[in-house]
PDB file of N, CA and C in Angstrom:
ATOM      1  N   UNK A   1     134.688  90.994  39.816  1.00  0.00           N
ATOM      2  CA  UNK A   1     134.091  90.930  41.136  1.00  0.00           C
ATOM      3  C   UNK A   1     132.659  89.904  40.802  1.00  0.00           C
ATOM      4  N   UNK A   2     132.687  89.409  39.629  1.00  0.00           N
ATOM      5  CA  UNK A   2     131.371  88.467  39.807  1.00  0.00           C
ATOM      6  C   UNK A   2     131.489  87.083  40.625  1.00  0.00           C
ATOM      7  N   UNK A   3     132.843  86.645  41.384  1.00  0.00           N
ATOM      8  CA  UNK A   3     132.979  85.984  42.134  1.00  0.00           C
ATOM      9  C   UNK A   3     132.371  85.946  43.752  1.00  0.00           C
ATOM     10  N   UNK A   4     132.047  87.679  43.873  1.00  0.00           N
ATOM     11  CA  UNK A   4     131.716  87.720  45.156  1.00  0.00           C
ATOM     12  C   UNK A   4     130.026  87.974  45.294  1.00  0.00           C
ATOM     13  N   UNK A   5     129.355  88.362  44.123  1.00  0.00           N
ATOM     14  CA  UNK A   5     128.342  88.388  44.135  1.00  0.00           C
ATOM     15  C   UNK A   5     127.794  88.274  42.761  1.00  0.00           C
ATOM     16  N   UNK A   6     126.686  87.522  42.778  1.00  0.00           N
ATOM     17  CA  UNK A   6     126.216  86.995  41.321  1.00  0.00           C
ATOM     18  C   UNK A   6     125.556  88.031  40.729  1.00  0.00           C
ATOM     19  N   UNK A   7     125.474  88.014  39.092  1.00  0.00           N
ATOM     20  CA  UNK A   7     124.781  89.314  38.685  1.00  0.00           C
ATOM     21  C   UNK A   7     123.440  89.218  38.886  1.00  0.00           C
ATOM     22  N   UNK A   8     122.736  88.176  38.774  1.00  0.00           N
ATOM     23  CA  UNK A   8     121.219  88.188  38.901  1.00  0.00           C
ATOM     24  C   UNK A   8     120.888  88.702  40.165  1.00  0.00           C
ATOM     25  N   UNK A   9     121.736  88.150  41.496  1.00  0.00           N
ATOM     26  CA  UNK A   9     121.435  88.486  42.741  1.00  0.00           C
ATOM     27  C   UNK A   9     121.512  89.912  43.216  1.00  0.00           C
ATOM     28  N   UNK A  10     122.611  90.772  42.565  1.00  0.00           N
ATOM     29  CA  UNK A  10     122.685  91.869  42.605  1.00  0.00           C
ATOM     30  C   UNK A  10     121.351  92.998  41.697  1.00  0.00           C
ATOM     31  N   UNK A  11     121.163  92.406  40.508  1.00  0.00           N
ATOM     32  CA  UNK A  11     120.350  93.131  39.536  1.00  0.00           C
ATOM     33  C   UNK A  11     118.738  92.943  40.503  1.00  0.00           C
ATOM     34  N   UNK A  12     118.481  91.622  41.370  1.00  0.00           N
ATOM     35  CA  UNK A  12     117.376  91.611  41.718  1.00  0.00           C
ATOM     36  C   UNK A  12     116.981  92.641  43.067  1.00  0.00           C
ATOM     37  N   UNK A  13     117.993  92.788  43.663  1.00  0.00           N
ATOM     38  CA  UNK A  13     118.248  93.515  44.868  1.00  0.00           C
ATOM     39  C   UNK A  13     117.681  95.167  44.521  1.00  0.00           C
ATOM     40  N   UNK A  14     118.824  95.325  43.472  1.00  0.00           N
ATOM     41  CA  UNK A  14     118.407  97.023  43.123  1.00  0.00           C
ATOM     42  C   UNK A  14     117.107  97.377  42.598  1.00  0.00           C
ATOM     43  N   UNK A  15     116.326  96.266  41.927  1.00  0.00           N
ATOM     44  CA  UNK A  15     114.697  96.587  41.640  1.00  0.00           C
ATOM     45  C   UNK A  15     113.978  96.562  42.584  1.00  0.00           C
ATOM     46  N   UNK A  16     114.139  95.616  43.549  1.00  0.00           N
ATOM     47  CA  UNK A  16     113.124  95.983  44.684  1.00  0.00           C
ATOM     48  C   UNK A  16     113.419  96.936  45.479  1.00  0.00           C
ATOM     49  N   UNK A  17     114.493  97.833  45.935  1.00  0.00           N
ATOM     50  CA  UNK A  17     114.822  98.743  46.605  1.00  0.00           C
ATOM     51  C   UNK A  17     114.545 100.098  46.228  1.00  0.00           C
ATOM     52  N   UNK A  18     114.502 100.141  44.924  1.00  0.00           N
ATOM     53  CA  UNK A  18     114.217 100.951  44.068  1.00  0.00           C
ATOM     54  C   UNK A  18     112.874 101.677  43.600  1.00  0.00           C
ATOM     55  N   UNK A  19     111.834 100.843  44.568  1.00  0.00           N
ATOM     56  CA  UNK A  19     110.044 101.063  44.284  1.00  0.00           C
ATOM     57  C   UNK A  19     109.915 102.541  45.207  1.00  0.00           C
ATOM     58  N   UNK A  20     108.759 102.896  44.891  1.00  0.00           N
ATOM     59  CA  UNK A  20     108.481 103.995  45.604  1.00  0.00           C
ATOM     60  C   UNK A  20     108.134 103.726  46.899  1.00  0.00           C
ATOM     61  N   UNK A  21     108.539 104.398  48.101  1.00  0.00           N
ATOM     62  CA  UNK A  21     108.337 104.773  49.266  1.00  0.00           C
ATOM     63  C   UNK A  21     106.906 104.256  49.910  1.00  0.00           C
ATOM     64  N   UNK A  22     106.688 103.371  50.659  1.00  0.00           N
ATOM     65  CA  UNK A  22     105.229 103.200  50.907  1.00  0.00           C
ATOM     66  C   UNK A  22     104.867 103.815  52.336  1.00  0.00           C
ATOM     67  N   UNK A  23     103.509 103.827  52.832  1.00  0.00           N
ATOM     68  CA  UNK A  23     103.164 104.445  53.841  1.00  0.00           C
ATOM     69  C   UNK A  23     103.971 104.269  54.967  1.00  0.00           C
ATOM     70  N   UNK A  24     104.538 103.362  55.403  1.00  0.00           N
ATOM     71  CA  UNK A  24     105.240 102.756  56.365  1.00  0.00           C
ATOM     72  C   UNK A  24     106.449 103.554  56.580  1.00  0.00           C
ATOM     73  N   UNK A  25     107.191 104.076  55.525  1.00  0.00           N
ATOM     74  CA  UNK A  25     108.102 104.603  55.516  1.00  0.00           C
ATOM     75  C   UNK A  25     108.085 106.159  56.202  1.00  0.00           C
ATOM     76  N   UNK A  26     107.098 106.613  56.037  1.00  0.00           N
ATOM     77  CA  UNK A  26     106.584 107.843  56.468  1.00  0.00           C
ATOM     78  C   UNK A  26     105.838 107.810  57.972  1.00  0.00           C
ATOM     79  N   UNK A  27     105.350 106.870  58.354  1.00  0.00           N
ATOM     80  CA  UNK A  27     104.552 106.582  59.504  1.00  0.00           C
ATOM     81  C   UNK A  27     105.584 106.132  60.636  1.00  0.00           C
ATOM     82  N   UNK A  28     106.437 105.870  60.205  1.00  0.00           N
ATOM     83  CA  UNK A  28     107.455 105.754  61.826  1.00  0.00           C
ATOM     84  C   UNK A  28     107.933 107.270  62.260  1.00  0.00           C
ATOM     85  N   UNK A  29     108.553 107.897  61.320  1.00  0.00           N
ATOM     86  CA  UNK A  29     108.923 109.296  61.908  1.00  0.00           C
ATOM     87  C   UNK A  29     107.890 110.096  62.417  1.00  0.00           C
ATOM     88  N   UNK A  30     106.755 109.867  61.804  1.00  0.00           N
ATOM     89  CA  UNK A  30     105.688 110.721  62.265  1.00  0.00           C
ATOM     90  C   UNK A  30     105.041 110.159  63.969  1.00  0.00           C
ATOM     91  N   UNK A  31     104.887 108.892  64.043  1.00  0.00           N
ATOM     92  CA  UNK A  31     104.716 108.107  65.106  1.00  0.00           C
ATOM     93  C   UNK A  31     105.827 108.595  66.230  1.00  0.00           C
ATOM     94  N   UNK A  32     107.002 108.534  65.594  1.00  0.00           N
ATOM     95  CA  UNK A  32     108.224 109.035  66.703  1.00  0.00           C
ATOM     96  C   UNK A  32     108.078 110.370  67.408  1.00  0.00           C
ATOM     97  N   UNK A  33     107.665 111.254  66.320  1.00  0.00           N
ATOM     98  CA  UNK A  33     107.589 112.536  66.618  1.00  0.00           C
ATOM     99  C   UNK A  33     105.912 113.012  67.760  1.00  0.00           C
ATOM    100  N   UNK A  34     105.234 112.218  67.353  1.00  0.00           N
ATOM    101  CA  UNK A  34     103.810 112.173  68.156  1.00  0.00           C
ATOM    102  C   UNK A  34     104.347 111.808  69.755  1.00  0.00           C
ATOM    103  N   UNK A  35     105.146 110.615  69.596  1.00  0.00           N
ATOM    104  CA  UNK A  35     105.461 109.878  70.804  1.00  0.00           C
ATOM    105  C   UNK A  35     106.528 110.976  71.493  1.00  0.00           C
ATOM    106  N   UNK A  36     107.273 111.537  71.278  1.00  0.00           N
ATOM    107  CA  UNK A  36     108.134 112.855  71.808  1.00  0.00           C
ATOM    108  C   UNK A  36     107.379 113.690  72.540  1.00  0.00           C
ATOM    109  N   UNK A  37     106.042 114.222  71.442  1.00  0.00           N
ATOM    110  CA  UNK A  37     105.346 115.157  72.193  1.00  0.00           C
ATOM    111  C   UNK A  37     104.966 115.020  73.446  1.00  0.00           C
ATOM    112  N   UNK A  38     104.175 114.026  73.382  1.00  0.00           N
ATOM    113  CA  UNK A  38     103.447 113.220  74.659  1.00  0.00           C
ATOM    114  C   UNK A  38     104.365 112.754  75.778  1.00  0.00           C
ATOM    115  N   UNK A  39     105.492 112.465  75.436  1.00  0.00           N
ATOM    116  CA  UNK A  39     106.570 111.938  76.395  1.00  0.00           C
ATOM    117  C   UNK A  39     107.245 112.862  76.869  1.00  0.00           C
ATOM    118  N   UNK A  40     107.921 113.868  76.319  1.00  0.00           N
ATOM    119  CA  UNK A  40     108.767 114.853  76.818  1.00  0.00           C
ATOM    120  C   UNK A  40     108.442 116.147  76.808  1.00  0.00           C
ATOM    121  N   UNK A  41     107.806 116.715  75.453  1.00  0.00           N
ATOM    122  CA  UNK A  41     107.521 117.990  75.631  1.00  0.00           C
ATOM    123  C   UNK A  41     106.191 118.557  76.307  1.00  0.00           C
ATOM    124  N   UNK A  42     104.930 117.785  76.254  1.00  0.00           N
ATOM    125  CA  UNK A  42     103.798 118.155  77.088  1.00  0.00           C
ATOM    126  C   UNK A  42     103.902 118.422  78.296  1.00  0.00           C
ATOM    127  N   UNK A  43     104.562 117.188  79.168  1.00  0.00           N
ATOM    128  CA  UNK A  43     105.051 117.158  80.595  1.00  0.00           C
ATOM    129  C   UNK A  43     105.844 118.519  80.860  1.00  0.00           C
ATOM    130  N   UNK A  44     107.076 118.636  80.102  1.00  0.00           N
ATOM    131  CA  UNK A  44     107.744 120.003  80.463  1.00  0.00           C
ATOM    132  C   UNK A  44     106.915 121.441  80.451  1.00  0.00           C
ATOM    133  N   UNK A  45     106.071 121.105  79.457  1.00  0.00           N
ATOM    134  CA  UNK A  45     105.201 122.468  79.499  1.00  0.00           C
ATOM    135  C   UNK A  45     104.389 122.750  80.902  1.00  0.00           C
ATOM    136  N   UNK A  46     103.540 121.623  80.846  1.00  0.00           N
ATOM    137  CA  UNK A  46     102.849 121.412  82.076  1.00  0.00           C
ATOM    138  C   UNK A  46     103.580 122.137  83.445  1.00  0.00           C
ATOM    139  N   UNK A  47     104.792 121.367  83.521  1.00  0.00           N
ATOM    140  CA  UNK A  47     105.746 121.724  84.799  1.00  0.00           C
ATOM    141  C   UNK A  47     106.090 123.306  84.682  1.00  0.00           C
ATOM    142  N   UNK A  48     106.435 123.717  83.529  1.00  0.00           N
ATOM    143  CA  UNK A  48     106.793 124.994  83.419  1.00  0.00           C
ATOM    144  C   UNK A  48     105.561 126.106  83.897  1.00  0.00           C
ATOM    145  N   UNK A  49     104.270 125.716  83.622  1.00  0.00           N
ATOM    146  CA  UNK A  49     103.100 126.293  83.600  1.00  0.00           C
ATOM    147  C   UNK A  49     102.837 126.364  85.162  1.00  0.00           C
ATOM    148  N   UNK A  50     102.770 125.445  85.748  1.00  0.00           N
ATOM    149  CA  UNK A  50     102.644 125.096  87.020  1.00  0.00           C
ATOM    150  C   UNK A  50     103.719 126.183  88.005  1.00  0.00           C
ATOM    151  N   UNK A  51     105.119 125.888  87.734  1.00  0.00           N
ATOM    152  CA  UNK A  51     106.062 126.515  88.344  1.00  0.00           C
ATOM    153  C   UNK A  51     106.164 128.158  88.243  1.00  0.00           C
ATOM    154  N   UNK A  52     105.595 128.525  87.207  1.00  0.00           N
ATOM    155  CA  UNK A  52     105.336 129.863  86.812  1.00  0.00           C
ATOM    156  C   UNK A  52     103.942 130.460  87.625  1.00  0.00           C
ATOM    157  N   UNK A  53     102.906 129.492  87.742  1.00  0.00           N
ATOM    158  CA  UNK A  53     101.743 129.915  88.644  1.00  0.00           C
ATOM    159  C   UNK A  53     102.215 130.137  90.207  1.00  0.00           C
ATOM    160  N   UNK A  54     103.339 128.982  90.651  1.00  0.00           N
ATOM    161  CA  UNK A  54     103.611 129.321  92.059  1.00  0.00           C
ATOM    162  C   UNK A  54     104.485 130.475  92.205  1.00  0.00           C
ATOM    163  N   UNK A  55     105.236 130.722  91.314  1.00  0.00           N
ATOM    164  CA  UNK A  55     105.747 132.001  91.493  1.00  0.00           C
ATOM    165  C   UNK A  55     105.225 133.174  91.502  1.00  0.00           C
ATOM    166  N   UNK A  56     104.044 133.153  90.762  1.00  0.00           N
ATOM    167  CA  UNK A  56     103.249 134.494  90.490  1.00  0.00           C
ATOM    168  C   UNK A  56     102.476 134.111  92.373  1.00  0.00           C
ATOM    169  N   UNK A  57     102.223 133.622  92.598  1.00  0.00           N
ATOM    170  CA  UNK A  57     101.539 133.279  93.847  1.00  0.00           C
ATOM    171  C   UNK A  57     102.173 133.391  94.935  1.00  0.00           C
ATOM    172  N   UNK A  58     103.697 133.884  94.984  1.00  0.00           N
ATOM    173  CA  UNK A  58     104.282 133.954  96.168  1.00  0.00           C
ATOM    174  C   UNK A  58     103.832 135.199  97.184  1.00  0.00           C
ATOM    175  N   UNK A  59     103.859 134.884  98.328  1.00  0.00           N
ATOM    176  CA  UNK A  59     103.367 136.263  99.157  1.00  0.00           C
ATOM    177  C   UNK A  59     104.596 136.296 100.456  1.00  0.00           C
ATOM    178  N   UNK A  60     104.490 137.541 100.885  1.00  0.00           N
ATOM    179  CA  UNK A  60     105.553 137.662 102.376  1.00  0.00           C
ATOM    180  C   UNK A  60     104.959 136.823 103.333  1.00  0.00           C
ATOM    181  N   UNK A  61     106.244 136.016 103.947  1.00  0.00           N
ATOM    182  CA  UNK A  61     105.495 135.197 104.788  1.00  0.00           C
ATOM    183  C   UNK A  61     105.541 133.930 104.377  1.00  0.00           C
ATOM    184  N   UNK A  62     105.390 133.482 103.151  1.00  0.00           N
ATOM    185  CA  UNK A  62     105.596 132.084 102.553  1.00  0.00           C
ATOM    186  C   UNK A  62     107.015 131.697 103.102  1.00  0.00           C
ATOM    187  N   UNK A  63     107.203 130.271 103.210  1.00  0.00           N
ATOM    188  CA  UNK A  63     108.075 129.674 103.425  1.00  0.00           C
ATOM    189  C   UNK A  63     108.839 128.643 102.253  1.00  0.00           C
ATOM    190  N   UNK A  64     110.082 129.076 101.948  1.00  0.00           N
ATOM    191  CA  UNK A  64     110.325 128.351 100.205  1.00  0.00           C
ATOM    192  C   UNK A  64     111.755 127.970 100.560  1.00  0.00           C
ATOM    193  N   UNK A  65     111.981 127.084  99.326  1.00  0.00           N
ATOM    194  CA  UNK A  65     113.386 126.370  99.225  1.00  0.00           C
ATOM    195  C   UNK A  65     113.763 126.869  97.852  1.00  0.00           C
ATOM    196  N   UNK A  66     114.914 127.677  97.769  1.00  0.00           N
ATOM    197  CA  UNK A  66     115.456 128.100  96.561  1.00  0.00           C
ATOM    198  C   UNK A  66     116.171 126.826  95.621  1.00  0.00           C
ATOM    199  N   UNK A  67     116.626 126.919  94.518  1.00  0.00           N
ATOM    200  CA  UNK A  67     117.194 126.065  93.725  1.00  0.00           C
ATOM    201  C   UNK A  67     118.548 125.701  94.445  1.00  0.00           C
ATOM    202  N   UNK A  68     119.064 126.856  94.834  1.00  0.00           N
ATOM    203  CA  UNK A  68     120.418 126.404  95.542  1.00  0.00           C
ATOM    204  C   UNK A  68     120.158 125.496  97.203  1.00  0.00           C
ATOM    205  N   UNK A  69     118.888 125.497  97.295  1.00  0.00           N
ATOM    206  CA  UNK A  69     118.932 124.461  98.513  1.00  0.00           C
ATOM    207  C   UNK A  69     118.442 125.302  99.868  1.00  0.00           C
ATOM    208  N   UNK A  70     118.616 126.958  99.883  1.00  0.00           N
ATOM    209  CA  UNK A  70     118.365 127.543 100.918  1.00  0.00           C
ATOM    210  C   UNK A  70     116.937 127.339 101.254  1.00  0.00           C
ATOM    211  N   UNK A  71     116.620 127.420 102.365  1.00  0.00           N
ATOM    212  CA  UNK A  71     115.096 127.449 102.965  1.00  0.00           C
ATOM    213  C   UNK A  71     115.204 128.583 103.983  1.00  0.00           C
ATOM    214  N   UNK A  72     113.807 129.194 103.576  1.00  0.00           N
ATOM    215  CA  UNK A  72     113.895 130.503 104.450  1.00  0.00           C
ATOM    216  C   UNK A  72     112.324 130.720 104.726  1.00  0.00           C
ATOM    217  N   UNK A  73     112.058 132.212 105.044  1.00  0.00           N
ATOM    218  CA  UNK A  73     110.741 133.021 104.898  1.00  0.00           C
ATOM    219  C   UNK A  73     110.898 134.029 104.183  1.00  0.00           C
ATOM    220  N   UNK A  74     110.008 134.362 103.281  1.00  0.00           N
ATOM    221  CA  UNK A  74     109.835 135.562 102.577  1.00  0.00           C
ATOM    222  C   UNK A  74     109.627 136.693 103.198  1.00  0.00           C
ATOM    223  N   UNK A  75     110.602 137.731 103.196  1.00  0.00           N
ATOM    224  CA  UNK A  75     110.330 138.838 103.765  1.00  0.00           C
ATOM    225  C   UNK A  75     109.706 140.138 103.038  1.00  0.00           C
ATOM    226  N   UNK A  76     110.371 140.003 101.964  1.00  0.00           N
ATOM    227  CA  UNK A  76     110.124 141.350 100.759  1.00  0.00           C
ATOM    228  C   UNK A  76     109.983 140.706  99.539  1.00  0.00           C
ATOM    229  N   UNK A  77     109.181 141.182  98.499  1.00  0.00           N
ATOM    230  CA  UNK A  77     109.004 140.485  97.283  1.00  0.00           C
ATOM    231  C   UNK A  77     109.088 142.085  96.318  1.00  0.00           C
ATOM    232  N   UNK A  78     109.622 141.918  95.335  1.00  0.00           N
ATOM    233  CA  UNK A  78     109.731 142.755  94.221  1.00  0.00           C
ATOM    234  C   UNK A  78     109.382 142.073  92.962  1.00  0.00           C
ATOM    235  N   UNK A  79     109.343 143.023  91.954  1.00  0.00           N
ATOM    236  CA  UNK A  79     109.319 142.008  90.675  1.00  0.00           C
ATOM    237  C   UNK A  79     109.912 141.186  90.251  1.00  0.00           C
ATOM    238  N   UNK A  80     111.398 141.421  90.625  1.00  0.00           N
ATOM    239  CA  UNK A  80     112.623 140.504  90.031  1.00  0.00           C
ATOM    240  C   UNK A  80     112.845 139.502  91.343  1.00  0.00           C
ATOM    241  N   UNK A  81     112.943 139.857  92.414  1.00  0.00           N
ATOM    242  CA  UNK A  81     113.713 139.454  93.526  1.00  0.00           C
ATOM    243  C   UNK A  81     112.653 139.458  94.677  1.00  0.00           C
ATOM    244  N   UNK A  82     113.188 138.585  95.532  1.00  0.00           N
ATOM    245  CA  UNK A  82     112.635 138.294  96.864  1.00  0.00           C
ATOM    246  C   UNK A  82     113.866 138.344  97.908  1.00  0.00           C
ATOM    247  N   UNK A  83     113.312 138.712  98.904  1.00  0.00           N
ATOM    248  CA  UNK A  83     114.391 138.828 100.333  1.00  0.00           C
ATOM    249  C   UNK A  83     113.838 137.599 101.101  1.00  0.00           C
ATOM    250  N   UNK A  84     114.979 136.513 101.091  1.00  0.00           N
ATOM    251  CA  UNK A  84     114.517 135.516 102.214  1.00  0.00           C
ATOM    252  C   UNK A  84     115.357 135.578 103.363  1.00  0.00           C
ATOM    253  N   UNK A  85     114.604 135.502 104.622  1.00  0.00           N
ATOM    254  CA  UNK A  85     115.547 135.266 106.120  1.00  0.00           C
ATOM    255  C   UNK A  85     115.687 134.079 106.057  1.00  0.00           C
ATOM    256  N   UNK A  86     116.928 133.573 106.236  1.00  0.00           N
ATOM    257  CA  UNK A  86     117.344 132.183 106.300  1.00  0.00           C
ATOM    258  C   UNK A  86     117.597 131.797 107.545  1.00  0.00           C
ATOM    259  N   UNK A  87     117.800 133.014 108.733  1.00  0.00           N
ATOM    260  CA  UNK A  87     118.388 132.486 109.761  1.00  0.00           C
ATOM    261  C   UNK A  87     118.070 134.057 110.869  1.00  0.00           C
ATOM    262  N   UNK A  88     118.183 134.169 112.010  1.00  0.00           N
ATOM    263  CA  UNK A  88     118.094 135.337 112.579  1.00  0.00           C
ATOM    264  C   UNK A  88     118.811 136.331 111.982  1.00  0.00           C
ATOM    265  N   UNK A  89     118.510 137.407 111.654  1.00  0.00           N
ATOM    266  CA  UNK A  89     119.110 138.453 111.130  1.00  0.00           C
ATOM    267  C   UNK A  89     120.103 138.189 110.025  1.00  0.00           C
ATOM    268  N   UNK A  90     119.657 137.310 109.189  1.00  0.00           N
ATOM    269  CA  UNK A  90     120.489 136.759 108.020  1.00  0.00           C
ATOM    270  C   UNK A  90     119.513 136.625 106.991  1.00  0.00           C
ATOM    271  N   UNK A  91     119.901 137.639 106.025  1.00  0.00           N
ATOM    272  CA  UNK A  91     118.707 137.644 104.854  1.00  0.00           C
ATOM    273  C   UNK A  91     119.404 137.541 103.615  1.00  0.00           C
ATOM    274  N   UNK A  92     118.934 137.271 102.495  1.00  0.00           N
ATOM    275  CA  UNK A  92     119.391 136.904 101.204  1.00  0.00           C
ATOM    276  C   UNK A  92     118.544 137.185 100.235  1.00  0.00           C
ATOM    277  N   UNK A  93     118.954 137.893  99.420  1.00  0.00           N
ATOM    278  CA  UNK A  93     118.148 138.564  97.873  1.00  0.00           C
ATOM    279  C   UNK A  93     118.356 137.072  97.138  1.00  0.00           C
ATOM    280  N   UNK A  94     117.419 136.769  96.624  1.00  0.00           N
ATOM    281  CA  UNK A  94     117.439 136.170  95.397  1.00  0.00           C
ATOM    282  C   UNK A  94     116.638 136.187  94.245  1.00  0.00           C
ATOM    283  N   UNK A  95     116.997 135.689  93.028  1.00  0.00           N
ATOM    284  CA  UNK A  95     115.910 135.793  91.841  1.00  0.00           C
ATOM    285  C   UNK A  95     114.451 135.316  92.434  1.00  0.00           C
ATOM    286  N   UNK A  96     113.449 135.776  91.950  1.00  0.00           N
ATOM    287  CA  UNK A  96     112.054 135.298  91.961  1.00  0.00           C
ATOM    288  C   UNK A  96     111.954 133.837  91.076  1.00  0.00           C
ATOM    289  N   UNK A  97     112.947 133.619  89.935  1.00  0.00           N
ATOM    290  CA  UNK A  97     112.592 132.512  89.447  1.00  0.00           C
ATOM    291  C   UNK A  97     113.628 131.350  90.320  1.00  0.00           C
ATOM    292  N   UNK A  98     114.138 131.949  91.242  1.00  0.00           N
ATOM    293  CA  UNK A  98     115.042 130.471  91.883  1.00  0.00           C
ATOM    294  C   UNK A  98     114.343 129.828  92.858  1.00  0.00           C
ATOM    295  N   UNK A  99     112.965 130.220  92.941  1.00  0.00           N
ATOM    296  CA  UNK A  99     112.203 129.628  94.274  1.00  0.00           C
ATOM    297  C   UNK A  99     111.792 128.239  93.337  1.00  0.00           C
ATOM    298  N   UNK A 100     112.237 127.296  94.076  1.00  0.00           N
ATOM    299  CA  UNK A 100     111.996 125.893  93.710  1.00  0.00           C
ATOM    300  C   UNK A 100     110.521 125.469  94.351  1.00  0.00           C
ATOM    301  N   UNK A 101     110.052 125.673  95.419  1.00  0.00           N
ATOM    302  CA  UNK A 101     108.928 125.172  96.014  1.00  0.00           C
ATOM    303  C   UNK A 101     108.620 125.866  97.239  1.00  0.00           C
ATOM    304  N   UNK A 102     107.458 125.890  97.383  1.00  0.00           N
ATOM    305  CA  UNK A 102     106.889 126.685  98.705  1.00  0.00           C
ATOM    306  C   UNK A 102     106.385 125.556  99.701  1.00  0.00           C
ATOM    307  N   UNK A 103     107.160 125.645 101.086  1.00  0.00           N
ATOM    308  CA  UNK A 103     106.914 124.851 101.789  1.00  0.00           C
ATOM    309  C   UNK A 103     105.360 125.137 102.821  1.00  0.00           C
ATOM    310  N   UNK A 104     105.054 123.981 103.405  1.00  0.00           N
ATOM    311  CA  UNK A 104     103.916 124.315 104.347  1.00  0.00           C
ATOM    312  C   UNK A 104     104.255 125.260 105.236  1.00  0.00           C
ATOM    313  N   UNK A 105     103.227 125.933 105.808  1.00  0.00           N
ATOM    314  CA  UNK A 105     103.461 126.944 106.962  1.00  0.00           C
ATOM    315  C   UNK A 105     104.362 126.123 108.263  1.00  0.00           C
ATOM    316  N   UNK A 106     105.195 126.526 108.933  1.00  0.00           N
ATOM    317  CA  UNK A 106     105.765 125.952 110.203  1.00  0.00           C
ATOM    318  C   UNK A 106     106.682 124.800 109.892  1.00  0.00           C
ATOM    319  N   UNK A 107     106.953 124.669 108.639  1.00  0.00           N
ATOM    320  CA  UNK A 107     108.051 123.551 108.352  1.00  0.00           C
ATOM    321  C   UNK A 107     109.404 124.299 108.856  1.00  0.00           C
ATOM    322  N   UNK A 108     109.845 125.257 108.732  1.00  0.00           N
ATOM    323  CA  UNK A 108     111.129 125.748 109.142  1.00  0.00           C
ATOM    324  C   UNK A 108     111.379 125.718 110.911  1.00  0.00           C
ATOM    325  N   UNK A 109     110.310 125.855 111.246  1.00  0.00           N
ATOM    326  CA  UNK A 109     110.205 125.817 112.758  1.00  0.00           C
ATOM    327  C   UNK A 109     110.444 124.276 113.390  1.00  0.00           C
ATOM    328  N   UNK A 110     109.997 123.435 112.601  1.00  0.00           N
ATOM    329  CA  UNK A 110     109.992 121.931 113.077  1.00  0.00           C
ATOM    330  C   UNK A 110     111.614 121.330 112.766  1.00  0.00           C
ATOM    331  N   UNK A 111     112.321 122.271 111.898  1.00  0.00           N
ATOM    332  CA  UNK A 111     114.013 121.827 111.442  1.00  0.00           C
ATOM    333  C   UNK A 111     114.427 122.633 112.661  1.00  0.00           C
TER     334      UNK A 111
END
């Protein structure tokens, strides 16, 4: 097998890679973790906090959009569910967590 790799080149490569790992070997994963935290985890936690605050501030008469795309007016609120009127004499009970956004007052009348 000496005709593929010379013994001197193979021995030289083995001694240079067997050295102790430097600071840069550990810096890249740490920088990557910090980048993931600031680019992915922190913004998601902020959105979740805002969504939870919006859900706790729901009140009767608010106009909302659910995750399924239903738009309606809140008629009744319980701890886990809300009743949304989506049309005249049509009421739907949905989970409180499924509310995606609160619309400005009068938005449903414009539609």
